[in-house]
Every structure is written in C-alpha cells, then in structure tokens.
C-alpha cells in the first residue's frame, strides 16, 4: 500500500551521508536524486524513503507524531541497525526491546530530528 515516505531536510548533504550509510546496512541504495532531494529503496516497485528540501522554500520541520518504521527480518537486525544509527550520531529514542507480545523495536532520530523506528514481528 505505501509507495514512499518523504521527510524534510535542511541539509541534504548531511542527510545523504547519514542515509547512504544507514540504509546500505539493510540493502537499500539511492534510486534517484535531484537538486532538492534523494530517494532510497531496495527496488523501484517497493516502498521508498525520500529526503527532500520543502517545495515551498520554508525550513523543514519535524512532525510531532510522525515516525517512519523500517521492517527488518530479525531481532538481531533491529539491534544492529539501531546500534549503527547511534554510531552515526543519531539521538536514541528507545533501546531495542519488546513492546507488547510480538513487536520488537528500537527508536532513533536522523540528523534533522525525524523520528525513525526499526522493528520486527519475528520471535
């Protein structure tokens, strides 16, 4: 159902360095780029993540209550991606662990302050 998600950035070079490194760890790479933004994914026909400078020219701001979740195959993958994000300078928003019976997730923020989650439902 989801084709892509767009997050705003005020520093595309910094965001690109962060996402190039972070998303390579889960098999994603740049699918396209232009002067105002970059998009990553694993395939053009699968969900994608874009980082863009706002079209209206105003500064990008973090949406309160907005979060992007990356589904991963295992708890070990969640642990690894969360640790990698923190190594890249992300702000920790919640260590890896169970939330409920089956949801295993971890939370962090990108360099622009956008909240991200990596999670799995695998036991």
C-alpha atoms as a PDB file:
ATOM      1  CA  UNK A   1       0.000   0.000   0.000  1.00  0.00           C
ATOM      2  CA  UNK A   2       2.769   2.511   0.816  1.00  0.00           C
ATOM      3  CA  UNK A   3       4.770   3.678  -2.206  1.00  0.00           C
ATOM      4  CA  UNK A   4       7.101   6.129  -0.498  1.00  0.00           C
ATOM      5  CA  UNK A   5       7.552   8.352   2.540  1.00  0.00           C
ATOM      6  CA  UNK A   6       9.127  11.804   2.354  1.00  0.00           C
ATOM      7  CA  UNK A   7      10.934  13.500   5.244  1.00  0.00           C
ATOM      8  CA  UNK A   8      12.158  17.073   5.151  1.00  0.00           C
ATOM      9  CA  UNK A   9      15.782  18.112   5.486  1.00  0.00           C
ATOM     10  CA  UNK A  10      17.565  21.438   5.834  1.00  0.00           C
ATOM     11  CA  UNK A  11      20.960  19.884   4.996  1.00  0.00           C
ATOM     12  CA  UNK A  12      20.770  17.382   2.142  1.00  0.00           C
ATOM     13  CA  UNK A  13      24.486  16.569   2.202  1.00  0.00           C
ATOM     14  CA  UNK A  14      24.365  15.650   5.899  1.00  0.00           C
ATOM     15  CA  UNK A  15      21.132  13.686   5.431  1.00  0.00           C
ATOM     16  CA  UNK A  16      22.548  11.909   2.371  1.00  0.00           C
ATOM     17  CA  UNK A  17      25.671  10.815   4.242  1.00  0.00           C
ATOM     18  CA  UNK A  18      23.524   9.500   7.115  1.00  0.00           C
ATOM     19  CA  UNK A  19      21.010   7.597   4.964  1.00  0.00           C
ATOM     20  CA  UNK A  20      23.563   6.292   2.437  1.00  0.00           C
ATOM     21  CA  UNK A  21      25.407   4.599   5.293  1.00  0.00           C
ATOM     22  CA  UNK A  22      22.412   3.580   7.418  1.00  0.00           C
ATOM     23  CA  UNK A  23      20.270   2.161   4.625  1.00  0.00           C
ATOM     24  CA  UNK A  24      23.123   0.312   2.926  1.00  0.00           C
ATOM     25  CA  UNK A  25      23.079  -1.899   6.023  1.00  0.00           C
ATOM     26  CA  UNK A  26      19.581  -3.104   5.129  1.00  0.00           C
ATOM     27  CA  UNK A  27      20.186  -3.455   1.391  1.00  0.00           C
ATOM     28  CA  UNK A  28      18.819  -0.098   0.201  1.00  0.00           C
ATOM     29  CA  UNK A  29      20.575   2.335  -2.109  1.00  0.00           C
ATOM     30  CA  UNK A  30      19.797   5.550  -3.957  1.00  0.00           C
ATOM     31  CA  UNK A  31      17.104   5.062  -6.584  1.00  0.00           C
ATOM     32  CA  UNK A  32      17.039   8.683  -7.766  1.00  0.00           C
ATOM     33  CA  UNK A  33      18.224  12.121  -6.823  1.00  0.00           C
ATOM     34  CA  UNK A  34      17.674  15.712  -7.892  1.00  0.00           C
ATOM     35  CA  UNK A  35      18.705  19.120  -6.632  1.00  0.00           C
ATOM     36  CA  UNK A  36      16.047  19.169  -3.855  1.00  0.00           C
ATOM     37  CA  UNK A  37      16.126  15.552  -2.735  1.00  0.00           C
ATOM     38  CA  UNK A  38      17.231  11.951  -2.766  1.00  0.00           C
ATOM     39  CA  UNK A  39      15.265   8.706  -2.641  1.00  0.00           C
ATOM     40  CA  UNK A  40      16.427   5.296  -1.345  1.00  0.00           C
ATOM     41  CA  UNK A  41      14.918   1.857  -1.689  1.00  0.00           C
ATOM     42  CA  UNK A  42      15.587  -1.763  -2.477  1.00  0.00           C
ATOM     43  CA  UNK A  43      13.657  -1.757  -5.766  1.00  0.00           C
ATOM     44  CA  UNK A  44      11.702   0.874  -7.757  1.00  0.00           C
ATOM     45  CA  UNK A  45       8.470  -1.084  -7.231  1.00  0.00           C
ATOM     46  CA  UNK A  46       8.875  -1.400  -3.439  1.00  0.00           C
ATOM     47  CA  UNK A  47       8.382   1.226  -0.714  1.00  0.00           C
ATOM     48  CA  UNK A  48      10.931   4.021  -0.737  1.00  0.00           C
ATOM     49  CA  UNK A  49      12.207   6.766   1.559  1.00  0.00           C
ATOM     50  CA  UNK A  50      12.858  10.250   0.204  1.00  0.00           C
ATOM     51  CA  UNK A  51      14.595  13.153   1.904  1.00  0.00           C
ATOM     52  CA  UNK A  52      13.634  16.494   0.394  1.00  0.00           C
ATOM     53  CA  UNK A  53      14.003  20.199   0.897  1.00  0.00           C
ATOM     54  CA  UNK A  54      10.441  21.550   1.194  1.00  0.00           C
ATOM     55  CA  UNK A  55       8.933  22.646  -2.128  1.00  0.00           C
ATOM     56  CA  UNK A  56       7.598  25.870  -0.606  1.00  0.00           C
ATOM     57  CA  UNK A  57      11.100  27.045   0.320  1.00  0.00           C
ATOM     58  CA  UNK A  58      10.330  27.187   4.037  1.00  0.00           C
ATOM     59  CA  UNK A  59      12.589  25.352   6.539  1.00  0.00           C
ATOM     60  CA  UNK A  60      11.918  21.646   7.061  1.00  0.00           C
ATOM     61  CA  UNK A  61      10.483  20.894  10.490  1.00  0.00           C
ATOM     62  CA  UNK A  62       9.914  17.669  12.392  1.00  0.00           C
ATOM     63  CA  UNK A  63       6.311  16.487  12.506  1.00  0.00           C
ATOM     64  CA  UNK A  64       5.082  15.840  16.029  1.00  0.00           C
ATOM     65  CA  UNK A  65       3.726  12.291  15.984  1.00  0.00           C
ATOM     66  CA  UNK A  66       5.341  11.432  12.632  1.00  0.00           C
ATOM     67  CA  UNK A  67       7.564   8.365  12.532  1.00  0.00           C
ATOM     68  CA  UNK A  68       8.890   6.083   9.791  1.00  0.00           C
ATOM     69  CA  UNK A  69       9.305   2.380  10.595  1.00  0.00           C
ATOM     70  CA  UNK A  70      11.715   0.054   8.799  1.00  0.00           C
ATOM     71  CA  UNK A  71      10.613  -3.591   8.918  1.00  0.00           C
ATOM     72  CA  UNK A  72      13.545  -5.969   9.430  1.00  0.00           C
ATOM     73  CA  UNK A  73      13.763  -9.762   9.375  1.00  0.00           C
ATOM     74  CA  UNK A  74      15.050 -10.446  12.885  1.00  0.00           C
ATOM     75  CA  UNK A  75      15.661  -9.039  16.338  1.00  0.00           C
ATOM     76  CA  UNK A  76      19.388  -9.196  15.656  1.00  0.00           C
ATOM     77  CA  UNK A  77      18.817  -6.987  12.589  1.00  0.00           C
ATOM     78  CA  UNK A  78      16.935  -4.470  14.755  1.00  0.00           C
ATOM     79  CA  UNK A  79      19.759  -4.440  17.314  1.00  0.00           C
ATOM     80  CA  UNK A  80      22.337  -3.986  14.548  1.00  0.00           C
ATOM     81  CA  UNK A  81      20.548  -1.132  12.737  1.00  0.00           C
ATOM     82  CA  UNK A  82      19.838   0.724  15.988  1.00  0.00           C
ATOM     83  CA  UNK A  83      23.489   0.430  17.056  1.00  0.00           C
ATOM     84  CA  UNK A  84      24.591   1.582  13.593  1.00  0.00           C
ATOM     85  CA  UNK A  85      22.309   4.622  13.782  1.00  0.00           C
ATOM     86  CA  UNK A  86      23.763   5.585  17.163  1.00  0.00           C
ATOM     87  CA  UNK A  87      27.298   5.183  15.778  1.00  0.00           C
ATOM     88  CA  UNK A  88      26.300   7.640  13.031  1.00  0.00           C
ATOM     89  CA  UNK A  89      25.325  10.175  15.710  1.00  0.00           C
ATOM     90  CA  UNK A  90      21.594   9.533  15.990  1.00  0.00           C
ATOM     91  CA  UNK A  91      19.750  10.510  19.131  1.00  0.00           C
ATOM     92  CA  UNK A  92      18.486   7.395  20.939  1.00  0.00           C
ATOM     93  CA  UNK A  93      14.705   7.444  21.373  1.00  0.00           C
ATOM     94  CA  UNK A  94      14.295   3.914  22.755  1.00  0.00           C
ATOM     95  CA  UNK A  95      16.597   0.928  23.073  1.00  0.00           C
ATOM     96  CA  UNK A  96      15.783  -2.338  21.290  1.00  0.00           C
ATOM     97  CA  UNK A  97      13.232  -4.423  23.121  1.00  0.00           C
ATOM     98  CA  UNK A  98       9.782  -5.926  23.205  1.00  0.00           C
ATOM     99  CA  UNK A  99       6.777  -3.649  23.162  1.00  0.00           C
ATOM    100  CA  UNK A 100       3.810  -5.902  23.693  1.00  0.00           C
ATOM    101  CA  UNK A 101       3.927  -9.610  22.949  1.00  0.00           C
ATOM    102  CA  UNK A 102       5.428  -9.699  19.447  1.00  0.00           C
ATOM    103  CA  UNK A 103       6.608  -6.206  18.444  1.00  0.00           C
ATOM    104  CA  UNK A 104      10.387  -5.858  18.880  1.00  0.00           C
ATOM    105  CA  UNK A 105      11.587  -2.374  18.036  1.00  0.00           C
ATOM    106  CA  UNK A 106      14.087   0.403  18.598  1.00  0.00           C
ATOM    107  CA  UNK A 107      13.824   4.152  18.031  1.00  0.00           C
ATOM    108  CA  UNK A 108      16.194   6.943  16.995  1.00  0.00           C
ATOM    109  CA  UNK A 109      16.287  10.314  15.215  1.00  0.00           C
ATOM    110  CA  UNK A 110      18.039  11.262  11.999  1.00  0.00           C
ATOM    111  CA  UNK A 111      20.295  14.354  11.760  1.00  0.00           C
ATOM    112  CA  UNK A 112      17.269  16.595  11.071  1.00  0.00           C
ATOM    113  CA  UNK A 113      15.383  15.232  14.088  1.00  0.00           C
ATOM    114  CA  UNK A 114      12.945  12.976  12.199  1.00  0.00           C
ATOM    115  CA  UNK A 115      11.907  10.013  14.335  1.00  0.00           C
ATOM    116  CA  UNK A 116      12.664   6.549  12.946  1.00  0.00           C
ATOM    117  CA  UNK A 117      11.914   3.039  14.143  1.00  0.00           C
ATOM    118  CA  UNK A 118      13.346  -0.307  13.152  1.00  0.00           C
ATOM    119  CA  UNK A 119      11.201  -3.275  14.092  1.00  0.00           C
ATOM    120  CA  UNK A 120      10.299  -6.897  13.546  1.00  0.00           C
ATOM    121  CA  UNK A 121       7.465  -9.175  14.494  1.00  0.00           C
ATOM    122  CA  UNK A 122       9.779 -12.217  14.356  1.00  0.00           C
ATOM    123  CA  UNK A 123      10.430 -14.109  17.558  1.00  0.00           C
END
